[in-house]
N, C-alpha and C. Protein backbone atom coordinates (compact mmCIF):
# COMPACT_ATOMS: atom_id res chain seq x y z
N MET A 1 -14.21 43.88 66.61
CA MET A 1 -13.03 44.55 66.85
C MET A 1 -13.35 45.58 68.27
N GLU A 2 -12.41 45.60 69.00
CA GLU A 2 -12.46 46.39 70.15
C GLU A 2 -11.49 47.35 69.95
N GLU A 3 -11.85 48.70 70.23
CA GLU A 3 -10.87 49.56 70.10
C GLU A 3 -10.92 50.44 71.31
N ASN A 4 -9.68 50.63 71.82
CA ASN A 4 -9.40 51.30 73.03
C ASN A 4 -8.86 52.65 72.85
N ARG A 5 -9.23 53.77 73.14
CA ARG A 5 -8.83 54.99 72.65
C ARG A 5 -8.72 55.80 73.93
N THR A 6 -7.49 56.74 73.60
CA THR A 6 -7.42 57.67 74.36
C THR A 6 -7.29 58.96 73.60
N GLU A 7 -7.04 60.16 74.20
CA GLU A 7 -7.57 61.35 73.35
C GLU A 7 -6.39 61.66 72.27
N ASN A 8 -5.14 61.09 72.44
CA ASN A 8 -4.32 61.72 71.34
C ASN A 8 -3.67 60.19 70.83
N GLU A 9 -4.28 59.07 70.81
CA GLU A 9 -3.60 57.89 70.56
C GLU A 9 -4.45 57.45 69.37
N GLN A 10 -4.11 56.83 68.69
CA GLN A 10 -4.53 56.13 67.42
C GLN A 10 -5.28 54.89 68.01
N PRO A 11 -6.27 54.52 67.18
CA PRO A 11 -6.88 53.52 67.65
C PRO A 11 -6.13 52.28 67.56
N VAL A 12 -6.28 51.41 68.80
CA VAL A 12 -5.45 50.33 68.67
C VAL A 12 -6.36 49.10 68.69
N VAL A 13 -5.95 48.04 67.77
CA VAL A 13 -6.90 47.01 67.54
C VAL A 13 -6.19 45.71 68.32
N SER A 14 -7.28 45.23 68.90
CA SER A 14 -7.03 44.15 69.80
C SER A 14 -6.29 42.96 69.07
N GLU A 15 -5.39 42.34 69.84
CA GLU A 15 -4.66 41.11 68.94
C GLU A 15 -5.21 39.79 68.65
N THR A 16 -6.28 39.89 69.49
CA THR A 16 -7.05 38.66 69.36
C THR A 16 -7.88 38.36 68.03
N SER A 17 -8.17 39.46 67.50
CA SER A 17 -8.96 39.40 66.29
C SER A 17 -8.11 39.76 64.96
N VAL A 18 -7.05 40.05 64.99
CA VAL A 18 -6.28 40.26 63.78
C VAL A 18 -4.80 39.52 64.12
N PRO A 19 -4.25 39.09 63.24
CA PRO A 19 -2.79 38.35 63.45
C PRO A 19 -1.71 39.43 63.36
N SER A 20 -0.81 39.24 63.95
CA SER A 20 0.21 40.35 63.94
C SER A 20 0.93 40.18 62.82
N GLU A 21 1.90 41.22 62.40
CA GLU A 21 2.60 41.18 61.02
C GLU A 21 3.48 40.31 60.84
N THR A 22 4.17 39.85 61.98
CA THR A 22 5.02 38.63 61.87
C THR A 22 4.46 37.45 61.63
N ALA A 23 3.04 37.31 62.20
CA ALA A 23 2.52 36.02 61.76
C ALA A 23 1.88 36.17 60.32
N LEU A 24 1.51 37.37 59.92
CA LEU A 24 1.21 37.40 58.48
C LEU A 24 2.53 36.91 57.70
N LEU A 25 3.47 37.82 57.97
CA LEU A 25 4.66 37.67 56.77
C LEU A 25 5.20 36.03 57.19
N THR A 26 5.06 35.53 58.12
CA THR A 26 5.29 33.97 58.02
C THR A 26 4.47 32.96 57.28
N GLN A 27 3.09 33.41 57.30
CA GLN A 27 2.21 32.73 56.71
C GLN A 27 2.57 32.73 55.14
N MET A 28 3.02 34.08 54.79
CA MET A 28 3.20 34.43 53.40
C MET A 28 4.44 33.56 52.99
N ARG A 29 5.48 33.76 53.90
CA ARG A 29 6.63 33.11 53.53
C ARG A 29 6.52 31.76 53.32
N ASP A 30 5.54 30.94 54.21
CA ASP A 30 5.24 29.67 53.99
C ASP A 30 4.55 29.17 52.57
N LEU A 31 3.50 30.42 52.39
CA LEU A 31 2.92 30.09 51.22
C LEU A 31 3.90 30.13 49.99
N HIS A 32 4.73 31.08 49.94
CA HIS A 32 5.69 31.18 49.00
C HIS A 32 6.50 30.08 48.77
N LYS A 33 7.05 29.51 49.80
CA LYS A 33 7.79 28.26 49.83
C LYS A 33 7.02 27.13 48.96
N LYS A 34 5.68 26.98 49.72
CA LYS A 34 4.91 26.06 48.85
C LYS A 34 4.84 26.17 47.36
N GLN A 35 4.63 27.52 47.03
CA GLN A 35 4.40 27.64 45.55
C GLN A 35 5.76 27.39 44.92
N LEU A 36 6.95 27.89 45.27
CA LEU A 36 8.19 27.61 44.80
C LEU A 36 8.29 26.13 44.75
N PHE A 37 8.03 25.27 45.71
CA PHE A 37 8.26 23.89 45.77
C PHE A 37 7.32 23.13 44.28
N TRP A 38 6.01 23.68 44.24
CA TRP A 38 5.24 23.12 43.40
C TRP A 38 5.76 23.76 41.84
N GLN A 39 6.29 24.87 41.83
CA GLN A 39 6.78 25.54 40.62
C GLN A 39 7.82 24.73 40.29
N LYS A 40 8.94 24.22 41.32
CA LYS A 40 10.01 23.26 40.88
C LYS A 40 9.63 22.07 40.20
N ILE A 41 8.59 21.40 40.98
CA ILE A 41 8.20 20.19 40.26
C ILE A 41 7.50 20.19 38.95
N SER A 42 6.62 21.30 38.74
CA SER A 42 6.10 21.35 37.47
C SER A 42 7.33 21.96 36.42
N THR A 43 8.27 22.63 36.78
CA THR A 43 9.48 22.76 35.75
C THR A 43 10.23 21.47 35.58
N CYS A 44 10.32 20.79 36.54
CA CYS A 44 10.99 19.41 36.28
C CYS A 44 10.08 18.44 35.33
N CYS A 45 8.82 18.58 35.61
CA CYS A 45 8.08 17.60 34.74
C CYS A 45 8.20 18.12 33.39
N ILE A 46 7.61 19.65 33.06
CA ILE A 46 8.27 20.04 31.82
C ILE A 46 9.50 19.64 31.05
N ALA A 47 10.66 19.97 31.96
CA ALA A 47 12.04 19.45 31.45
C ALA A 47 12.14 18.14 31.13
N VAL A 48 11.28 17.25 31.82
CA VAL A 48 11.37 15.66 31.49
C VAL A 48 10.71 15.42 30.09
N MET A 49 9.45 16.09 30.10
CA MET A 49 8.74 16.18 28.76
C MET A 49 9.27 16.76 27.67
N ALA A 50 10.03 17.65 27.79
CA ALA A 50 10.85 18.40 26.49
C ALA A 50 11.85 17.17 26.23
N ALA A 51 12.45 16.72 27.23
CA ALA A 51 13.63 15.92 26.96
C ALA A 51 13.18 14.64 25.96
N THR A 52 11.74 13.94 26.78
CA THR A 52 11.27 13.01 25.94
C THR A 52 10.81 13.28 24.32
N VAL A 53 10.32 14.40 24.27
CA VAL A 53 10.08 14.72 22.89
C VAL A 53 11.35 14.83 22.43
N VAL A 54 12.35 15.42 22.60
CA VAL A 54 13.61 15.63 21.81
C VAL A 54 14.10 14.11 21.58
N ILE A 55 14.12 13.23 22.56
CA ILE A 55 14.84 11.66 22.26
C ILE A 55 13.81 11.04 21.13
N VAL A 56 12.42 11.24 21.36
CA VAL A 56 11.61 10.66 20.43
C VAL A 56 11.92 11.25 19.07
N ALA A 57 11.98 12.39 18.97
CA ALA A 57 12.15 12.99 17.79
C ALA A 57 13.57 12.57 17.04
N ILE A 58 14.43 12.60 17.69
CA ILE A 58 15.86 12.03 17.40
C ILE A 58 15.49 10.42 16.86
N ALA A 59 14.91 9.79 17.82
CA ALA A 59 14.87 8.36 17.39
C ALA A 59 13.88 8.00 16.10
N VAL A 60 12.74 8.78 16.22
CA VAL A 60 11.67 8.55 15.18
C VAL A 60 11.88 9.19 13.93
N VAL A 61 12.39 10.59 13.58
CA VAL A 61 12.33 11.20 12.43
C VAL A 61 13.08 10.34 11.47
N PRO A 62 14.51 10.06 11.81
CA PRO A 62 15.16 9.24 10.91
C PRO A 62 14.34 8.13 10.27
N LYS A 63 13.69 7.30 10.91
CA LYS A 63 12.93 6.09 10.68
C LYS A 63 12.03 6.60 9.96
N ALA A 64 11.29 7.55 10.30
CA ALA A 64 10.14 8.08 9.45
C ALA A 64 10.54 8.44 8.03
N VAL A 65 11.66 9.13 7.98
CA VAL A 65 12.28 9.70 6.78
C VAL A 65 12.47 8.43 5.81
N GLY A 66 12.93 7.39 6.48
CA GLY A 66 13.49 6.31 5.89
C GLY A 66 12.14 5.45 5.13
N THR A 67 11.10 5.63 5.84
CA THR A 67 10.01 4.91 5.61
C THR A 67 9.54 5.49 4.40
N ILE A 68 9.32 6.86 4.44
CA ILE A 68 8.63 7.70 3.49
C ILE A 68 9.54 7.56 2.16
N HIS A 69 11.02 7.43 2.33
CA HIS A 69 11.69 6.99 1.13
C HIS A 69 11.32 5.75 0.45
N ASN A 70 11.31 4.86 1.38
CA ASN A 70 10.91 3.32 1.02
C ASN A 70 9.44 3.36 0.20
N VAL A 71 8.54 4.28 0.95
CA VAL A 71 7.12 4.10 0.32
C VAL A 71 7.25 5.04 -1.27
N ASN A 72 7.95 5.86 -1.16
CA ASN A 72 8.30 6.74 -2.60
C ASN A 72 8.71 5.60 -3.66
N GLN A 73 9.77 4.82 -3.16
CA GLN A 73 10.25 3.74 -4.23
C GLN A 73 9.29 2.73 -4.61
N VAL A 74 8.47 2.30 -3.79
CA VAL A 74 7.41 1.21 -3.90
C VAL A 74 6.36 1.93 -4.99
N ALA A 75 6.15 3.32 -4.66
CA ALA A 75 5.29 3.92 -5.38
C ALA A 75 5.78 4.10 -6.70
N ILE A 76 7.17 4.32 -7.05
CA ILE A 76 7.60 4.52 -8.27
C ILE A 76 7.57 3.24 -9.06
N LYS A 77 7.78 2.18 -8.28
CA LYS A 77 7.85 0.73 -9.17
C LYS A 77 6.45 0.39 -9.54
N ALA A 78 5.49 0.78 -8.56
CA ALA A 78 4.21 0.29 -8.87
C ALA A 78 3.61 1.04 -10.17
N GLN A 79 3.98 2.20 -10.22
CA GLN A 79 3.87 3.32 -11.41
C GLN A 79 4.26 2.62 -12.60
N THR A 80 5.62 2.07 -12.50
CA THR A 80 6.19 1.60 -13.55
C THR A 80 5.42 0.41 -14.02
N SER A 81 5.11 -0.50 -13.35
CA SER A 81 4.32 -1.83 -13.21
C SER A 81 3.15 -1.71 -13.94
N LEU A 82 2.47 -0.58 -13.54
CA LEU A 82 1.06 -0.14 -14.06
C LEU A 82 1.21 0.28 -15.54
N GLU A 83 2.36 1.04 -15.86
CA GLU A 83 2.58 1.33 -17.14
C GLU A 83 2.85 0.15 -17.98
N ASP A 84 3.55 -0.63 -17.74
CA ASP A 84 4.15 -2.02 -18.29
C ASP A 84 2.69 -2.81 -18.44
N MET A 85 2.04 -2.91 -17.58
CA MET A 85 0.66 -3.76 -17.66
C MET A 85 -0.46 -2.81 -18.51
N ASP A 86 -0.25 -1.44 -18.75
CA ASP A 86 -1.28 -0.90 -19.72
C ASP A 86 -0.56 -1.16 -21.23
N GLU A 87 0.79 -1.19 -21.26
CA GLU A 87 1.34 -1.55 -22.65
C GLU A 87 1.01 -2.94 -22.82
N MET A 88 1.12 -4.07 -22.11
CA MET A 88 0.85 -5.13 -22.42
C MET A 88 -0.66 -5.61 -22.90
N ILE A 89 -1.34 -4.86 -21.83
CA ILE A 89 -2.86 -5.12 -22.41
C ILE A 89 -3.05 -4.55 -23.85
N SER A 90 -2.67 -3.39 -24.10
CA SER A 90 -2.85 -2.87 -25.32
C SER A 90 -2.23 -3.89 -26.52
N ASN A 91 -1.20 -4.41 -26.31
CA ASN A 91 -0.51 -5.39 -27.06
C ASN A 91 -1.42 -6.97 -27.21
N ILE A 92 -1.86 -7.31 -26.09
CA ILE A 92 -3.11 -8.09 -26.29
C ILE A 92 -4.17 -7.97 -27.23
N THR A 93 -4.61 -6.81 -26.87
CA THR A 93 -5.80 -6.22 -27.46
C THR A 93 -5.55 -6.34 -28.90
N GLU A 94 -4.37 -5.92 -29.33
CA GLU A 94 -3.96 -5.78 -30.75
C GLU A 94 -3.73 -7.21 -31.26
N ALA A 95 -3.08 -8.05 -30.60
CA ALA A 95 -3.09 -9.59 -30.98
C ALA A 95 -4.42 -10.46 -31.18
N SER A 96 -5.24 -9.93 -30.25
CA SER A 96 -6.64 -10.29 -30.40
C SER A 96 -7.20 -10.05 -31.59
N SER A 97 -7.27 -8.63 -31.84
CA SER A 97 -7.86 -8.08 -33.13
C SER A 97 -7.08 -8.84 -34.36
N GLY A 98 -5.66 -8.81 -34.57
CA GLY A 98 -5.21 -9.67 -35.49
C GLY A 98 -5.70 -11.27 -35.62
N MET A 99 -5.72 -11.77 -34.64
CA MET A 99 -6.32 -13.11 -34.38
C MET A 99 -7.82 -13.03 -34.94
N ASN A 100 -8.41 -12.36 -34.69
CA ASN A 100 -10.06 -12.34 -35.29
C ASN A 100 -9.81 -11.95 -36.70
N GLU A 101 -9.05 -11.37 -37.22
CA GLU A 101 -8.95 -10.70 -38.58
C GLU A 101 -8.45 -12.08 -39.52
N LEU A 102 -7.59 -12.73 -38.85
CA LEU A 102 -6.87 -14.14 -39.45
C LEU A 102 -8.09 -15.10 -39.68
N VAL A 103 -8.99 -15.03 -38.39
CA VAL A 103 -10.05 -16.20 -38.45
C VAL A 103 -10.87 -15.71 -39.61
N LYS A 104 -11.04 -14.40 -39.60
CA LYS A 104 -12.26 -13.97 -40.54
C LYS A 104 -11.73 -14.54 -42.06
N GLU A 105 -10.38 -13.93 -42.33
CA GLU A 105 -9.76 -14.37 -43.77
C GLU A 105 -9.66 -15.85 -44.05
N ASN A 106 -9.51 -16.50 -42.99
CA ASN A 106 -8.95 -18.00 -43.45
C ASN A 106 -10.23 -18.58 -43.26
N GLY A 107 -11.40 -18.27 -42.58
CA GLY A 107 -12.47 -18.95 -42.30
C GLY A 107 -13.13 -19.62 -43.44
N GLU A 108 -13.40 -18.81 -44.49
CA GLU A 108 -13.81 -19.22 -45.62
C GLU A 108 -13.20 -20.36 -46.18
N GLY A 109 -11.90 -20.19 -46.17
CA GLY A 109 -11.03 -21.27 -46.83
C GLY A 109 -11.16 -22.65 -46.20
N LEU A 110 -10.99 -22.37 -44.77
CA LEU A 110 -11.22 -23.56 -43.93
C LEU A 110 -12.62 -24.20 -44.10
N THR A 111 -13.88 -23.46 -44.34
CA THR A 111 -14.95 -24.15 -44.63
C THR A 111 -15.20 -24.90 -45.78
N SER A 112 -14.61 -24.23 -46.73
CA SER A 112 -14.78 -24.94 -47.93
C SER A 112 -14.09 -26.24 -48.00
N ALA A 113 -12.85 -26.19 -47.26
CA ALA A 113 -11.78 -27.36 -47.23
C ALA A 113 -12.60 -28.46 -46.53
N VAL A 114 -13.06 -27.97 -45.28
CA VAL A 114 -14.10 -29.28 -44.59
C VAL A 114 -15.26 -29.65 -45.42
N LYS A 115 -15.80 -28.61 -46.26
CA LYS A 115 -17.08 -29.08 -46.85
C LYS A 115 -16.61 -30.15 -47.96
N ASN A 116 -15.52 -29.66 -48.90
CA ASN A 116 -14.83 -30.54 -49.80
C ASN A 116 -14.55 -31.86 -49.24
N LEU A 117 -13.95 -31.84 -48.11
CA LEU A 117 -13.36 -33.18 -47.51
C LEU A 117 -14.81 -34.26 -46.88
N SER A 118 -15.86 -33.31 -46.64
CA SER A 118 -17.03 -34.16 -46.29
C SER A 118 -17.59 -34.68 -47.42
N GLU A 119 -17.50 -34.24 -48.66
CA GLU A 119 -18.08 -34.64 -49.94
C GLU A 119 -17.26 -35.72 -50.66
N ILE A 120 -15.93 -36.00 -50.12
CA ILE A 120 -15.50 -37.22 -50.82
C ILE A 120 -15.94 -38.38 -50.46
N ASP A 121 -16.05 -39.15 -51.72
CA ASP A 121 -16.55 -40.41 -51.44
C ASP A 121 -15.35 -41.79 -51.40
N PHE A 122 -15.45 -41.86 -49.98
CA PHE A 122 -14.19 -42.91 -49.42
C PHE A 122 -14.72 -44.27 -49.91
N GLU A 123 -15.90 -44.76 -50.09
CA GLU A 123 -15.95 -45.93 -50.52
C GLU A 123 -15.70 -46.23 -52.03
N GLY A 124 -15.99 -45.08 -52.97
CA GLY A 124 -15.65 -45.32 -54.34
C GLY A 124 -14.04 -45.36 -54.32
N LEU A 125 -13.41 -44.29 -53.38
CA LEU A 125 -11.89 -44.07 -53.42
C LEU A 125 -11.39 -45.50 -53.08
N ASN A 126 -11.69 -46.26 -52.05
CA ASN A 126 -11.30 -47.47 -51.59
C ASN A 126 -11.46 -48.34 -52.82
N THR A 127 -12.71 -48.43 -53.42
CA THR A 127 -12.94 -49.40 -54.64
C THR A 127 -11.65 -49.11 -55.79
N ALA A 128 -11.46 -47.87 -56.06
CA ALA A 128 -10.73 -47.52 -56.90
C ALA A 128 -8.97 -47.92 -56.69
N ILE A 129 -8.78 -47.87 -55.40
CA ILE A 129 -7.49 -48.37 -54.83
C ILE A 129 -7.24 -50.09 -54.91
N LYS A 130 -8.37 -50.32 -54.80
CA LYS A 130 -8.25 -51.97 -54.70
C LYS A 130 -8.26 -52.37 -56.06
N ASP A 131 -9.19 -51.69 -57.27
CA ASP A 131 -8.96 -52.06 -58.62
C ASP A 131 -7.44 -51.97 -59.06
N LEU A 132 -6.83 -50.88 -58.57
CA LEU A 132 -5.51 -50.48 -58.92
C LEU A 132 -4.52 -51.66 -58.59
N GLN A 133 -4.75 -51.93 -57.34
CA GLN A 133 -3.75 -53.01 -56.58
C GLN A 133 -3.97 -54.26 -57.29
N ASP A 134 -5.35 -54.67 -57.95
CA ASP A 134 -5.60 -55.56 -58.68
C ASP A 134 -5.00 -55.77 -59.83
N ALA A 135 -4.77 -54.65 -60.58
CA ALA A 135 -4.32 -54.35 -61.88
C ALA A 135 -2.75 -54.57 -61.97
N ILE A 136 -2.00 -53.71 -61.02
CA ILE A 136 -0.64 -53.55 -60.82
C ILE A 136 -0.12 -54.73 -60.07
N GLY A 137 -0.74 -55.71 -59.33
CA GLY A 137 -0.08 -56.76 -58.70
C GLY A 137 0.38 -57.85 -59.51
N PRO A 138 -0.14 -58.35 -60.65
CA PRO A 138 0.70 -59.43 -61.45
C PRO A 138 2.01 -58.56 -62.19
N MET A 139 1.80 -57.55 -62.47
CA MET A 139 3.00 -56.74 -62.95
C MET A 139 4.16 -56.50 -62.01
N ALA A 140 3.79 -56.40 -60.65
CA ALA A 140 4.81 -56.06 -59.63
C ALA A 140 5.64 -57.67 -59.53
N GLN A 141 4.68 -58.47 -59.50
CA GLN A 141 5.29 -59.88 -59.13
C GLN A 141 6.09 -60.25 -60.40
N PHE A 142 5.99 -60.22 -61.46
CA PHE A 142 6.76 -60.42 -62.60
C PHE A 142 8.26 -59.51 -62.50
N MET A 143 7.95 -58.22 -62.36
CA MET A 143 9.11 -57.48 -62.15
C MET A 143 10.09 -58.04 -60.95
N ASN A 144 9.53 -58.63 -60.05
CA ASN A 144 10.18 -58.96 -58.91
C ASN A 144 11.05 -60.10 -59.13
N ARG A 145 10.71 -61.02 -60.28
CA ARG A 145 11.27 -61.94 -60.66
C ARG A 145 12.50 -61.51 -61.23
N PHE A 146 12.89 -60.56 -61.72
CA PHE A 146 14.13 -60.06 -62.35
C PHE A 146 15.26 -59.68 -61.74
N LYS A 147 14.89 -59.34 -60.27
CA LYS A 147 15.73 -58.82 -59.14
C LYS A 147 16.94 -59.75 -58.75
């Protein structure tokens, strides 16, 4: 910087090295205009995002509440079904216990009946039946004549 001074004068700064006040003010004004432009754009973007959030909230929240309600109803039905299944399983268990006791109680009788059936002399029984038919046969023929 060059300074030209006279005795009573203030130092004068050359215009070539430092911009003038008007040039500085013009640059500041342009800078502020650019900043204002970008602030307007960012404000519009934020407004669009806020509007999108509000619209999505209005559209999605009722559906989400409905879905949660349906899930709760399904959960209640599932709980009821599980309770019914527990009761059914306990009834089946009791029935199988009763069946086991029935088999135990009647098993001896069935075993003895099968044993007695296996001890029957079928050949002797057939012979006795044939002898009975031979003995009663002539008497049956005699009685048939009176009919």
